[in-house]
């Protein structure tokens, strides 16, 4: 092999090595950047995901809970709302139930110490927006000021024109547990 050809071959191999080294470094940098982007997206999802998802789900749960509460109050039956699974409520005991809050509650209703049909959530929980007027008069107002984890004795009188005839005009005691308050 001629000296010139040998020198050209060495230069070609040197250029190929440099090119492969640049490609290797570029791939390494791209893999690092991709990893950092994935980690950053996951962090953003964890940090801001709750507020993004609960913001849209909160309005869904409010409208769904209105329907749920309305049927509960009208028929005396308890309902469990599927939206409570998608929008998390807070069980922070420092929070206080206020007018306009949507809460998740369990209750057991009784008249003269005897539980009546449809007056129990059976631990399934139901959503209620305080001040919506969907439950019996004064039911919602008696929950204001309570905290998640509290048990509240709610005394009400069923209206004379209540749908279930056996409950019309009856005084009832509901033992209500505040499971949590939905994020505002």
N, C-alpha and C. Protein backbone atom coordinates (compact mmCIF):
# COMPACT_ATOMS: atom_id res chain seq x y z
N UNK A 1 0.85 -1.16 0.00
CA UNK A 1 0.00 0.00 0.00
C UNK A 1 0.90 1.24 0.00
N UNK A 2 0.50 2.17 -0.79
CA UNK A 2 1.30 3.37 -0.90
C UNK A 2 1.13 4.22 0.34
N UNK A 3 2.14 5.02 0.58
CA UNK A 3 2.17 5.88 1.75
C UNK A 3 0.98 6.84 1.73
N UNK A 4 0.62 7.36 0.58
CA UNK A 4 -0.50 8.29 0.47
C UNK A 4 -1.82 7.60 0.75
N UNK A 5 -1.95 6.38 0.24
CA UNK A 5 -3.18 5.62 0.47
C UNK A 5 -3.32 5.26 1.95
N UNK A 6 -2.20 4.89 2.57
CA UNK A 6 -2.22 4.56 3.98
C UNK A 6 -2.64 5.78 4.80
N UNK A 7 -2.10 6.93 4.48
CA UNK A 7 -2.42 8.15 5.19
C UNK A 7 -3.89 8.51 4.98
N UNK A 8 -4.41 8.37 3.78
CA UNK A 8 -5.82 8.65 3.48
C UNK A 8 -6.73 7.69 4.24
N UNK A 9 -6.32 6.42 4.31
CA UNK A 9 -7.10 5.42 5.04
C UNK A 9 -7.13 5.75 6.53
N UNK A 10 -6.00 6.18 7.07
CA UNK A 10 -5.95 6.55 8.48
C UNK A 10 -6.85 7.76 8.75
N UNK A 11 -6.83 8.73 7.86
CA UNK A 11 -7.68 9.91 8.02
C UNK A 11 -9.16 9.53 7.94
N UNK A 12 -9.49 8.65 6.99
CA UNK A 12 -10.87 8.19 6.85
C UNK A 12 -11.34 7.48 8.12
N UNK A 13 -10.48 6.58 8.65
CA UNK A 13 -10.84 5.87 9.89
C UNK A 13 -10.97 6.85 11.06
N UNK A 14 -10.10 7.83 11.12
CA UNK A 14 -10.16 8.83 12.18
C UNK A 14 -11.47 9.62 12.09
N UNK A 15 -11.86 10.00 10.87
CA UNK A 15 -13.11 10.72 10.67
C UNK A 15 -14.31 9.84 11.05
N UNK A 16 -14.25 8.56 10.68
CA UNK A 16 -15.34 7.63 11.03
C UNK A 16 -15.45 7.48 12.54
N UNK A 17 -14.28 7.39 13.22
CA UNK A 17 -14.29 7.27 14.68
C UNK A 17 -14.90 8.53 15.31
N UNK A 18 -14.52 9.71 14.80
CA UNK A 18 -15.07 10.97 15.32
C UNK A 18 -16.58 11.03 15.09
N UNK A 19 -16.99 10.60 13.89
CA UNK A 19 -18.41 10.61 13.57
C UNK A 19 -19.19 9.68 14.49
N UNK A 20 -18.66 8.46 14.72
CA UNK A 20 -19.32 7.50 15.63
C UNK A 20 -19.34 8.04 17.05
N UNK A 21 -18.26 8.71 17.47
CA UNK A 21 -18.20 9.28 18.81
C UNK A 21 -19.25 10.39 18.97
N UNK A 22 -19.39 11.25 17.94
CA UNK A 22 -20.41 12.30 17.98
C UNK A 22 -21.82 11.68 18.04
N UNK A 23 -22.06 10.64 17.25
CA UNK A 23 -23.36 9.98 17.26
C UNK A 23 -23.64 9.36 18.63
N UNK A 24 -22.62 8.74 19.22
CA UNK A 24 -22.78 8.13 20.54
C UNK A 24 -23.10 9.20 21.58
N UNK A 25 -22.37 10.33 21.54
CA UNK A 25 -22.62 11.42 22.49
C UNK A 25 -24.01 12.02 22.28
N UNK A 26 -24.41 12.18 21.01
CA UNK A 26 -25.73 12.73 20.71
C UNK A 26 -26.83 11.81 21.24
N UNK A 27 -26.68 10.52 21.02
CA UNK A 27 -27.66 9.55 21.53
C UNK A 27 -27.72 9.61 23.05
N UNK A 28 -26.56 9.70 23.68
CA UNK A 28 -26.51 9.75 25.14
C UNK A 28 -27.21 11.01 25.66
N UNK A 29 -26.93 12.15 25.03
CA UNK A 29 -27.57 13.41 25.44
C UNK A 29 -29.07 13.33 25.22
N UNK A 30 -29.50 12.82 24.08
CA UNK A 30 -30.93 12.70 23.80
C UNK A 30 -31.63 11.79 24.79
N UNK A 31 -30.97 10.70 25.18
CA UNK A 31 -31.59 9.80 26.16
C UNK A 31 -31.70 10.49 27.52
N UNK A 32 -30.69 11.28 27.89
CA UNK A 32 -30.77 12.03 29.14
C UNK A 32 -31.88 13.07 29.09
N UNK A 33 -31.96 13.81 27.99
CA UNK A 33 -32.99 14.83 27.84
C UNK A 33 -34.38 14.19 27.89
N UNK A 34 -34.55 13.07 27.19
CA UNK A 34 -35.85 12.38 27.20
C UNK A 34 -36.20 11.93 28.62
N UNK A 35 -35.23 11.41 29.34
CA UNK A 35 -35.47 10.98 30.72
C UNK A 35 -35.86 12.14 31.61
N UNK A 36 -35.17 13.27 31.45
CA UNK A 36 -35.48 14.46 32.26
C UNK A 36 -36.88 14.97 31.92
N UNK A 37 -37.23 14.98 30.64
CA UNK A 37 -38.57 15.43 30.24
C UNK A 37 -39.64 14.53 30.84
N UNK A 38 -39.43 13.23 30.81
CA UNK A 38 -40.40 12.29 31.38
C UNK A 38 -40.55 12.53 32.89
N UNK A 39 -39.44 12.69 33.58
CA UNK A 39 -39.48 12.93 35.03
C UNK A 39 -40.18 14.26 35.32
N UNK A 40 -39.87 15.29 34.54
CA UNK A 40 -40.51 16.59 34.73
C UNK A 40 -42.01 16.50 34.51
N UNK A 41 -42.43 15.79 33.48
CA UNK A 41 -43.87 15.63 33.22
C UNK A 41 -44.55 14.88 34.35
N UNK A 42 -43.90 13.85 34.86
CA UNK A 42 -44.48 13.11 35.98
C UNK A 42 -44.60 13.99 37.21
N UNK A 43 -43.58 14.79 37.48
CA UNK A 43 -43.64 15.70 38.63
C UNK A 43 -44.76 16.72 38.45
N UNK A 44 -44.88 17.28 37.26
CA UNK A 44 -45.97 18.22 37.01
C UNK A 44 -47.33 17.57 37.18
N UNK A 45 -47.45 16.34 36.72
CA UNK A 45 -48.71 15.62 36.86
C UNK A 45 -49.03 15.39 38.33
N UNK A 46 -48.03 15.02 39.11
CA UNK A 46 -48.25 14.78 40.54
C UNK A 46 -48.60 16.08 41.25
N UNK A 47 -47.86 17.15 40.94
CA UNK A 47 -48.06 18.41 41.64
C UNK A 47 -49.36 19.09 41.22
N UNK A 48 -49.58 19.20 39.91
CA UNK A 48 -50.72 19.95 39.42
C UNK A 48 -51.89 19.07 38.99
N UNK A 49 -51.69 17.78 38.93
CA UNK A 49 -52.74 16.87 38.47
C UNK A 49 -53.97 16.91 39.34
N UNK A 50 -53.78 16.96 40.67
CA UNK A 50 -54.93 16.98 41.58
C UNK A 50 -55.81 18.19 41.31
N UNK A 51 -55.18 19.37 41.17
CA UNK A 51 -55.99 20.56 40.95
C UNK A 51 -56.62 20.57 39.57
N UNK A 52 -55.92 20.03 38.57
CA UNK A 52 -56.50 19.99 37.22
C UNK A 52 -57.70 19.06 37.16
N UNK A 53 -57.52 17.86 37.72
CA UNK A 53 -58.59 16.88 37.63
C UNK A 53 -59.72 17.18 38.60
N UNK A 54 -59.40 17.66 39.79
CA UNK A 54 -60.47 17.94 40.75
C UNK A 54 -61.25 19.16 40.35
N UNK A 55 -60.64 20.09 39.64
CA UNK A 55 -61.36 21.27 39.17
C UNK A 55 -62.48 20.89 38.23
N UNK A 56 -62.21 20.02 37.27
CA UNK A 56 -63.25 19.62 36.34
C UNK A 56 -64.18 18.61 36.97
N UNK A 57 -63.65 17.74 37.79
CA UNK A 57 -64.49 16.73 38.42
C UNK A 57 -65.36 17.34 39.50
N UNK A 58 -64.88 18.44 40.12
CA UNK A 58 -65.64 19.06 41.18
C UNK A 58 -66.97 19.57 40.66
N UNK A 59 -66.95 20.23 39.50
CA UNK A 59 -68.21 20.71 38.96
C UNK A 59 -69.08 19.54 38.53
N UNK A 60 -68.46 18.47 38.03
CA UNK A 60 -69.23 17.28 37.68
C UNK A 60 -69.86 16.68 38.91
N UNK A 61 -69.09 16.62 40.01
CA UNK A 61 -69.63 15.99 41.21
C UNK A 61 -70.72 16.85 41.82
N UNK A 62 -70.62 18.18 41.66
CA UNK A 62 -71.65 19.05 42.20
C UNK A 62 -72.95 18.81 41.47
N UNK A 63 -72.91 18.76 40.15
CA UNK A 63 -74.16 18.54 39.42
C UNK A 63 -74.66 17.13 39.62
N UNK A 64 -73.75 16.16 39.69
CA UNK A 64 -74.17 14.78 39.92
C UNK A 64 -74.74 14.62 41.31
N UNK A 65 -74.12 15.32 42.29
CA UNK A 65 -74.60 15.17 43.65
C UNK A 65 -75.97 15.81 43.80
N UNK A 66 -76.25 16.84 43.02
CA UNK A 66 -77.56 17.45 43.09
C UNK A 66 -78.61 16.44 42.69
N UNK A 67 -78.36 15.71 41.62
CA UNK A 67 -79.30 14.69 41.17
C UNK A 67 -79.38 13.59 42.22
N UNK A 68 -78.23 13.17 42.73
CA UNK A 68 -78.19 12.11 43.73
C UNK A 68 -78.93 12.53 44.99
N UNK A 69 -78.66 13.74 45.46
CA UNK A 69 -79.29 14.22 46.68
C UNK A 69 -80.78 14.42 46.48
N UNK A 70 -81.15 14.91 45.30
CA UNK A 70 -82.55 15.15 45.04
C UNK A 70 -83.34 13.85 45.11
N UNK A 71 -82.81 12.80 44.50
CA UNK A 71 -83.53 11.54 44.53
C UNK A 71 -83.53 10.97 45.93
N UNK A 72 -82.46 11.22 46.68
CA UNK A 72 -82.40 10.74 48.06
C UNK A 72 -83.44 11.45 48.91
N UNK A 73 -83.52 12.75 48.75
CA UNK A 73 -84.45 13.52 49.57
C UNK A 73 -85.89 13.25 49.14
N UNK A 74 -86.12 13.09 47.86
CA UNK A 74 -87.48 12.91 47.37
C UNK A 74 -88.02 11.53 47.72
N UNK A 75 -87.20 10.52 47.58
CA UNK A 75 -87.72 9.18 47.79
C UNK A 75 -87.36 8.62 49.15
N UNK A 76 -86.44 9.30 49.84
CA UNK A 76 -86.02 8.79 51.14
C UNK A 76 -85.01 7.68 51.01
N UNK A 77 -84.56 7.39 49.78
CA UNK A 77 -83.59 6.32 49.60
C UNK A 77 -82.20 6.90 49.54
N UNK A 78 -81.23 6.08 49.90
CA UNK A 78 -79.86 6.56 49.85
C UNK A 78 -79.26 6.21 48.51
N UNK A 79 -78.33 7.05 48.09
CA UNK A 79 -77.65 6.80 46.83
C UNK A 79 -76.17 7.01 47.04
N UNK A 80 -75.40 6.28 46.28
CA UNK A 80 -73.96 6.49 46.30
C UNK A 80 -73.58 7.08 44.97
N UNK A 81 -72.78 8.11 45.02
CA UNK A 81 -72.46 8.83 43.81
C UNK A 81 -71.12 8.36 43.28
N UNK A 82 -71.07 7.94 42.03
CA UNK A 82 -69.83 7.46 41.42
C UNK A 82 -68.81 8.57 41.29
N UNK A 83 -69.25 9.82 41.25
CA UNK A 83 -68.29 10.91 41.09
C UNK A 83 -67.42 11.05 42.33
N UNK A 84 -67.85 10.55 43.48
CA UNK A 84 -67.01 10.66 44.66
C UNK A 84 -65.76 9.83 44.52
N UNK A 85 -65.77 8.83 43.60
CA UNK A 85 -64.56 8.06 43.35
C UNK A 85 -63.57 8.84 42.51
N UNK A 86 -64.07 9.70 41.60
CA UNK A 86 -63.17 10.40 40.70
C UNK A 86 -62.65 11.70 41.29
N UNK A 87 -63.38 12.36 42.13
CA UNK A 87 -62.92 13.60 42.75
C UNK A 87 -62.71 13.35 44.23
N UNK A 88 -61.49 13.52 44.66
CA UNK A 88 -61.17 13.22 46.04
C UNK A 88 -61.66 14.32 46.97
N UNK A 89 -62.15 13.92 48.11
CA UNK A 89 -62.51 14.89 49.13
C UNK A 89 -61.46 14.86 50.22
N UNK A 90 -61.37 15.97 50.93
CA UNK A 90 -60.37 16.10 51.98
C UNK A 90 -60.96 15.67 53.32
N UNK A 91 -60.18 14.94 54.08
CA UNK A 91 -60.60 14.52 55.42
C UNK A 91 -59.86 15.31 56.49
N UNK A 92 -59.25 16.42 56.09
CA UNK A 92 -58.51 17.28 57.01
C UNK A 92 -59.47 17.84 58.05
N UNK A 93 -59.26 17.50 59.32
CA UNK A 93 -60.19 17.90 60.38
C UNK A 93 -60.15 19.39 60.68
N UNK A 94 -59.16 20.11 60.13
CA UNK A 94 -59.12 21.55 60.35
C UNK A 94 -60.09 22.29 59.42
N UNK A 95 -60.61 21.60 58.41
CA UNK A 95 -61.58 22.21 57.50
C UNK A 95 -62.95 22.27 58.18
N UNK A 96 -63.72 23.28 57.85
CA UNK A 96 -65.04 23.46 58.43
C UNK A 96 -66.07 23.50 57.31
N UNK A 97 -67.18 22.80 57.50
CA UNK A 97 -68.26 22.81 56.51
C UNK A 97 -68.90 24.19 56.49
N UNK A 98 -68.98 24.76 55.29
CA UNK A 98 -69.57 26.08 55.10
C UNK A 98 -70.67 25.99 54.06
N UNK A 99 -71.52 27.02 54.02
CA UNK A 99 -72.57 27.08 53.02
C UNK A 99 -71.93 27.06 51.64
N UNK A 100 -72.44 26.23 50.75
CA UNK A 100 -71.90 26.11 49.39
C UNK A 100 -70.92 24.97 49.22
N UNK A 101 -70.39 24.42 50.32
CA UNK A 101 -69.46 23.30 50.22
C UNK A 101 -70.19 22.05 49.77
N UNK A 102 -69.47 21.20 49.05
CA UNK A 102 -69.99 19.88 48.73
C UNK A 102 -69.28 18.90 49.65
N UNK A 103 -70.07 18.14 50.40
CA UNK A 103 -69.52 17.21 51.38
C UNK A 103 -69.96 15.79 51.03
N UNK A 104 -69.20 14.84 51.54
CA UNK A 104 -69.59 13.44 51.42
C UNK A 104 -70.00 13.01 52.82
N UNK A 105 -71.22 12.47 52.94
CA UNK A 105 -71.75 12.11 54.26
C UNK A 105 -72.31 10.70 54.24
N UNK A 106 -72.39 10.14 55.44
CA UNK A 106 -73.16 8.92 55.70
C UNK A 106 -74.18 9.30 56.75
N UNK A 107 -75.35 8.68 56.69
CA UNK A 107 -76.35 8.98 57.71
C UNK A 107 -77.22 7.77 57.99
N UNK A 108 -77.79 7.79 59.19
CA UNK A 108 -78.78 6.80 59.61
C UNK A 108 -79.93 7.60 60.21
N UNK A 109 -81.11 7.44 59.63
CA UNK A 109 -82.28 8.17 60.12
C UNK A 109 -83.19 7.27 60.92
N UNK A 110 -83.78 7.85 61.97
CA UNK A 110 -84.70 7.07 62.80
C UNK A 110 -85.83 7.97 63.30
N UNK A 111 -86.96 7.33 63.54
CA UNK A 111 -88.11 8.01 64.14
C UNK A 111 -88.44 7.25 65.41
N UNK A 112 -88.45 7.96 66.52
CA UNK A 112 -88.68 7.35 67.84
C UNK A 112 -87.74 6.17 68.07
N UNK A 113 -86.48 6.32 67.62
CA UNK A 113 -85.47 5.29 67.85
C UNK A 113 -85.52 4.12 66.88
N UNK A 114 -86.47 4.14 65.94
CA UNK A 114 -86.59 3.04 64.98
C UNK A 114 -86.16 3.54 63.60
N UNK A 115 -85.18 2.84 63.04
CA UNK A 115 -84.68 3.21 61.71
C UNK A 115 -85.78 2.97 60.68
N UNK A 116 -85.92 3.90 59.73
CA UNK A 116 -86.97 3.76 58.71
C UNK A 116 -86.35 3.45 57.35
N UNK A 117 -87.17 2.87 56.47
CA UNK A 117 -86.71 2.49 55.13
C UNK A 117 -86.22 3.71 54.36
N UNK A 118 -85.07 3.56 53.73
CA UNK A 118 -84.51 4.63 52.91
C UNK A 118 -83.79 5.70 53.69
N UNK A 119 -83.68 5.55 54.99
CA UNK A 119 -83.03 6.57 55.82
C UNK A 119 -81.61 6.23 56.19
N UNK A 120 -80.94 5.43 55.37
CA UNK A 120 -79.59 4.97 55.71
C UNK A 120 -78.76 4.87 54.44
N UNK A 121 -77.54 5.39 54.49
CA UNK A 121 -76.63 5.27 53.34
C UNK A 121 -75.88 3.95 53.37
N UNK A 122 -76.01 3.19 54.44
CA UNK A 122 -75.34 1.90 54.59
C UNK A 122 -73.83 1.99 54.39
N UNK A 123 -73.25 3.13 54.77
CA UNK A 123 -71.80 3.31 54.68
C UNK A 123 -71.30 3.60 53.29
N UNK A 124 -72.20 3.73 52.31
CA UNK A 124 -71.78 3.98 50.93
C UNK A 124 -71.43 5.44 50.70
N UNK A 125 -71.90 6.32 51.55
CA UNK A 125 -71.64 7.75 51.39
C UNK A 125 -72.47 8.34 50.27
N UNK A 126 -72.80 9.60 50.42
CA UNK A 126 -73.52 10.33 49.39
C UNK A 126 -73.03 11.77 49.42
N UNK A 127 -73.07 12.43 48.27
CA UNK A 127 -72.61 13.80 48.18
C UNK A 127 -73.78 14.75 48.40
N UNK A 128 -73.48 15.86 49.08
CA UNK A 128 -74.50 16.86 49.37
C UNK A 128 -73.85 18.23 49.29
N UNK A 129 -74.48 19.13 48.54
CA UNK A 129 -74.02 20.52 48.49
C UNK A 129 -74.82 21.31 49.51
N UNK A 130 -74.11 21.86 50.49
CA UNK A 130 -74.77 22.61 51.56
C UNK A 130 -75.43 23.86 50.97
N UNK A 131 -76.70 24.05 51.30
CA UNK A 131 -77.45 25.20 50.79
C UNK A 131 -78.21 24.92 49.51
N UNK A 132 -78.13 23.69 49.01
CA UNK A 132 -78.82 23.36 47.76
C UNK A 132 -80.32 23.24 47.96
N UNK A 133 -80.75 22.97 49.20
CA UNK A 133 -82.17 22.83 49.48
C UNK A 133 -82.77 21.53 49.00
N UNK A 134 -81.92 20.55 48.69
CA UNK A 134 -82.42 19.29 48.15
C UNK A 134 -82.83 18.31 49.24
N UNK A 135 -82.38 18.53 50.45
CA UNK A 135 -82.76 17.67 51.55
C UNK A 135 -83.87 18.36 52.34
N UNK A 136 -84.39 17.66 53.31
CA UNK A 136 -85.47 18.17 54.15
C UNK A 136 -85.04 19.50 54.78
N UNK A 137 -86.00 20.42 54.94
CA UNK A 137 -85.70 21.73 55.52
C UNK A 137 -84.86 21.60 56.78
N UNK A 138 -83.82 22.42 56.86
CA UNK A 138 -82.93 22.55 58.01
C UNK A 138 -81.93 21.40 58.15
N UNK A 139 -81.98 20.39 57.28
CA UNK A 139 -81.02 19.28 57.35
C UNK A 139 -79.62 19.80 57.06
N UNK A 140 -79.47 20.47 55.92
CA UNK A 140 -78.15 20.93 55.47
C UNK A 140 -77.57 21.97 56.42
N UNK A 141 -78.40 22.89 56.89
CA UNK A 141 -77.92 23.97 57.75
C UNK A 141 -77.31 23.45 59.05
N UNK A 142 -77.81 22.32 59.55
CA UNK A 142 -77.30 21.78 60.80
C UNK A 142 -75.90 21.17 60.65
N UNK A 143 -75.44 20.99 59.41
CA UNK A 143 -74.09 20.45 59.18
C UNK A 143 -73.04 21.55 59.13
N UNK A 144 -73.46 22.81 58.94
CA UNK A 144 -72.52 23.93 58.87
C UNK A 144 -71.78 24.05 60.20
N UNK A 145 -70.47 24.20 60.11
CA UNK A 145 -69.62 24.33 61.29
C UNK A 145 -68.98 23.02 61.73
N UNK A 146 -69.42 21.91 61.16
CA UNK A 146 -68.82 20.62 61.53
C UNK A 146 -67.57 20.38 60.70
N UNK A 147 -66.83 19.34 61.05
CA UNK A 147 -65.55 19.03 60.42
C UNK A 147 -65.56 17.58 59.93
N UNK A 148 -64.69 17.26 58.96
CA UNK A 148 -64.58 15.85 58.54
C UNK A 148 -64.28 14.96 59.75
N UNK A 149 -64.99 13.86 59.83
CA UNK A 149 -64.84 12.94 60.95
C UNK A 149 -65.87 13.17 62.05
N UNK A 150 -66.52 14.34 62.03
CA UNK A 150 -67.53 14.65 63.05
C UNK A 150 -68.81 13.84 62.81
N UNK A 151 -69.49 13.53 63.91
CA UNK A 151 -70.82 12.94 63.84
C UNK A 151 -71.79 13.98 64.38
N UNK A 152 -72.81 14.29 63.59
CA UNK A 152 -73.74 15.36 63.93
C UNK A 152 -75.14 14.77 64.05
N UNK A 153 -75.84 15.13 65.13
CA UNK A 153 -77.25 14.74 65.28
C UNK A 153 -78.09 15.82 64.60
N UNK A 154 -78.80 15.42 63.56
CA UNK A 154 -79.62 16.35 62.79
C UNK A 154 -81.09 16.02 63.06
N UNK A 155 -81.79 16.97 63.66
CA UNK A 155 -83.21 16.80 63.96
C UNK A 155 -84.02 17.54 62.91
N UNK A 156 -84.95 16.83 62.28
CA UNK A 156 -85.79 17.43 61.24
C UNK A 156 -87.23 16.93 61.40
N UNK A 157 -88.12 17.65 60.76
CA UNK A 157 -89.52 17.21 60.67
C UNK A 157 -89.86 17.06 59.20
N UNK A 158 -90.33 15.87 58.84
CA UNK A 158 -90.71 15.64 57.46
C UNK A 158 -91.92 16.52 57.12
N UNK A 159 -91.97 17.07 55.91
CA UNK A 159 -93.12 17.90 55.52
C UNK A 159 -94.41 17.08 55.49
N UNK A 160 -95.52 17.76 55.67
CA UNK A 160 -96.83 17.10 55.65
C UNK A 160 -97.13 16.50 54.28
N UNK A 161 -96.54 17.06 53.24
CA UNK A 161 -96.80 16.56 51.88
C UNK A 161 -95.65 15.68 51.38
N UNK A 162 -94.89 15.08 52.30
CA UNK A 162 -93.74 14.26 51.92
C UNK A 162 -94.22 13.05 51.12
N UNK A 163 -93.39 12.60 50.21
CA UNK A 163 -93.75 11.53 49.28
C UNK A 163 -94.13 10.23 49.99
N UNK A 164 -93.36 9.85 51.01
CA UNK A 164 -93.69 8.63 51.76
C UNK A 164 -94.70 8.98 52.85
N UNK A 165 -95.89 8.45 52.74
CA UNK A 165 -96.97 8.82 53.65
C UNK A 165 -96.66 8.51 55.10
N UNK A 166 -95.96 7.39 55.36
CA UNK A 166 -95.68 7.02 56.74
C UNK A 166 -94.68 7.97 57.41
N UNK A 167 -94.00 8.82 56.64
CA UNK A 167 -93.04 9.77 57.20
C UNK A 167 -93.60 11.19 57.29
N UNK A 168 -94.75 11.44 56.69
CA UNK A 168 -95.32 12.79 56.67
C UNK A 168 -95.54 13.32 58.08
N UNK A 169 -94.98 14.53 58.34
CA UNK A 169 -95.16 15.19 59.62
C UNK A 169 -94.38 14.58 60.77
N UNK A 170 -93.61 13.56 60.54
CA UNK A 170 -92.86 12.87 61.60
C UNK A 170 -91.57 13.61 61.93
N UNK A 171 -91.22 13.62 63.23
CA UNK A 171 -89.93 14.14 63.67
C UNK A 171 -88.92 13.01 63.54
N UNK A 172 -87.77 13.32 62.96
CA UNK A 172 -86.75 12.29 62.73
C UNK A 172 -85.39 12.79 63.22
N UNK A 173 -84.58 11.83 63.61
CA UNK A 173 -83.20 12.10 64.00
C UNK A 173 -82.30 11.40 62.98
N UNK A 174 -81.43 12.16 62.36
CA UNK A 174 -80.42 11.60 61.47
C UNK A 174 -79.07 11.73 62.16
N UNK A 175 -78.38 10.62 62.30
CA UNK A 175 -77.01 10.65 62.81
C UNK A 175 -76.13 10.69 61.57
N UNK A 176 -75.50 11.84 61.35
CA UNK A 176 -74.75 12.11 60.12
C UNK A 176 -73.26 12.14 60.42
N UNK A 177 -72.49 11.40 59.63
CA UNK A 177 -71.03 11.44 59.72
C UNK A 177 -70.50 12.20 58.51
N UNK A 178 -69.68 13.21 58.78
CA UNK A 178 -69.05 13.98 57.70
C UNK A 178 -67.80 13.21 57.28
N UNK A 179 -67.84 12.59 56.10
CA UNK A 179 -66.68 11.84 55.61
C UNK A 179 -65.59 12.76 55.09
N UNK A 180 -65.97 13.85 54.44
CA UNK A 180 -64.98 14.77 53.91
C UNK A 180 -65.63 15.91 53.16
N UNK A 181 -64.79 16.90 52.85
CA UNK A 181 -65.22 18.08 52.11
C UNK A 181 -64.47 18.09 50.79
N UNK A 182 -65.21 18.24 49.70
CA UNK A 182 -64.58 18.27 48.39
C UNK A 182 -63.78 19.56 48.22
N UNK A 183 -62.69 19.46 47.45
CA UNK A 183 -61.85 20.63 47.17
C UNK A 183 -62.68 21.67 46.45
N UNK A 184 -62.43 22.92 46.81
CA UNK A 184 -63.19 24.02 46.21
C UNK A 184 -62.52 24.47 44.94
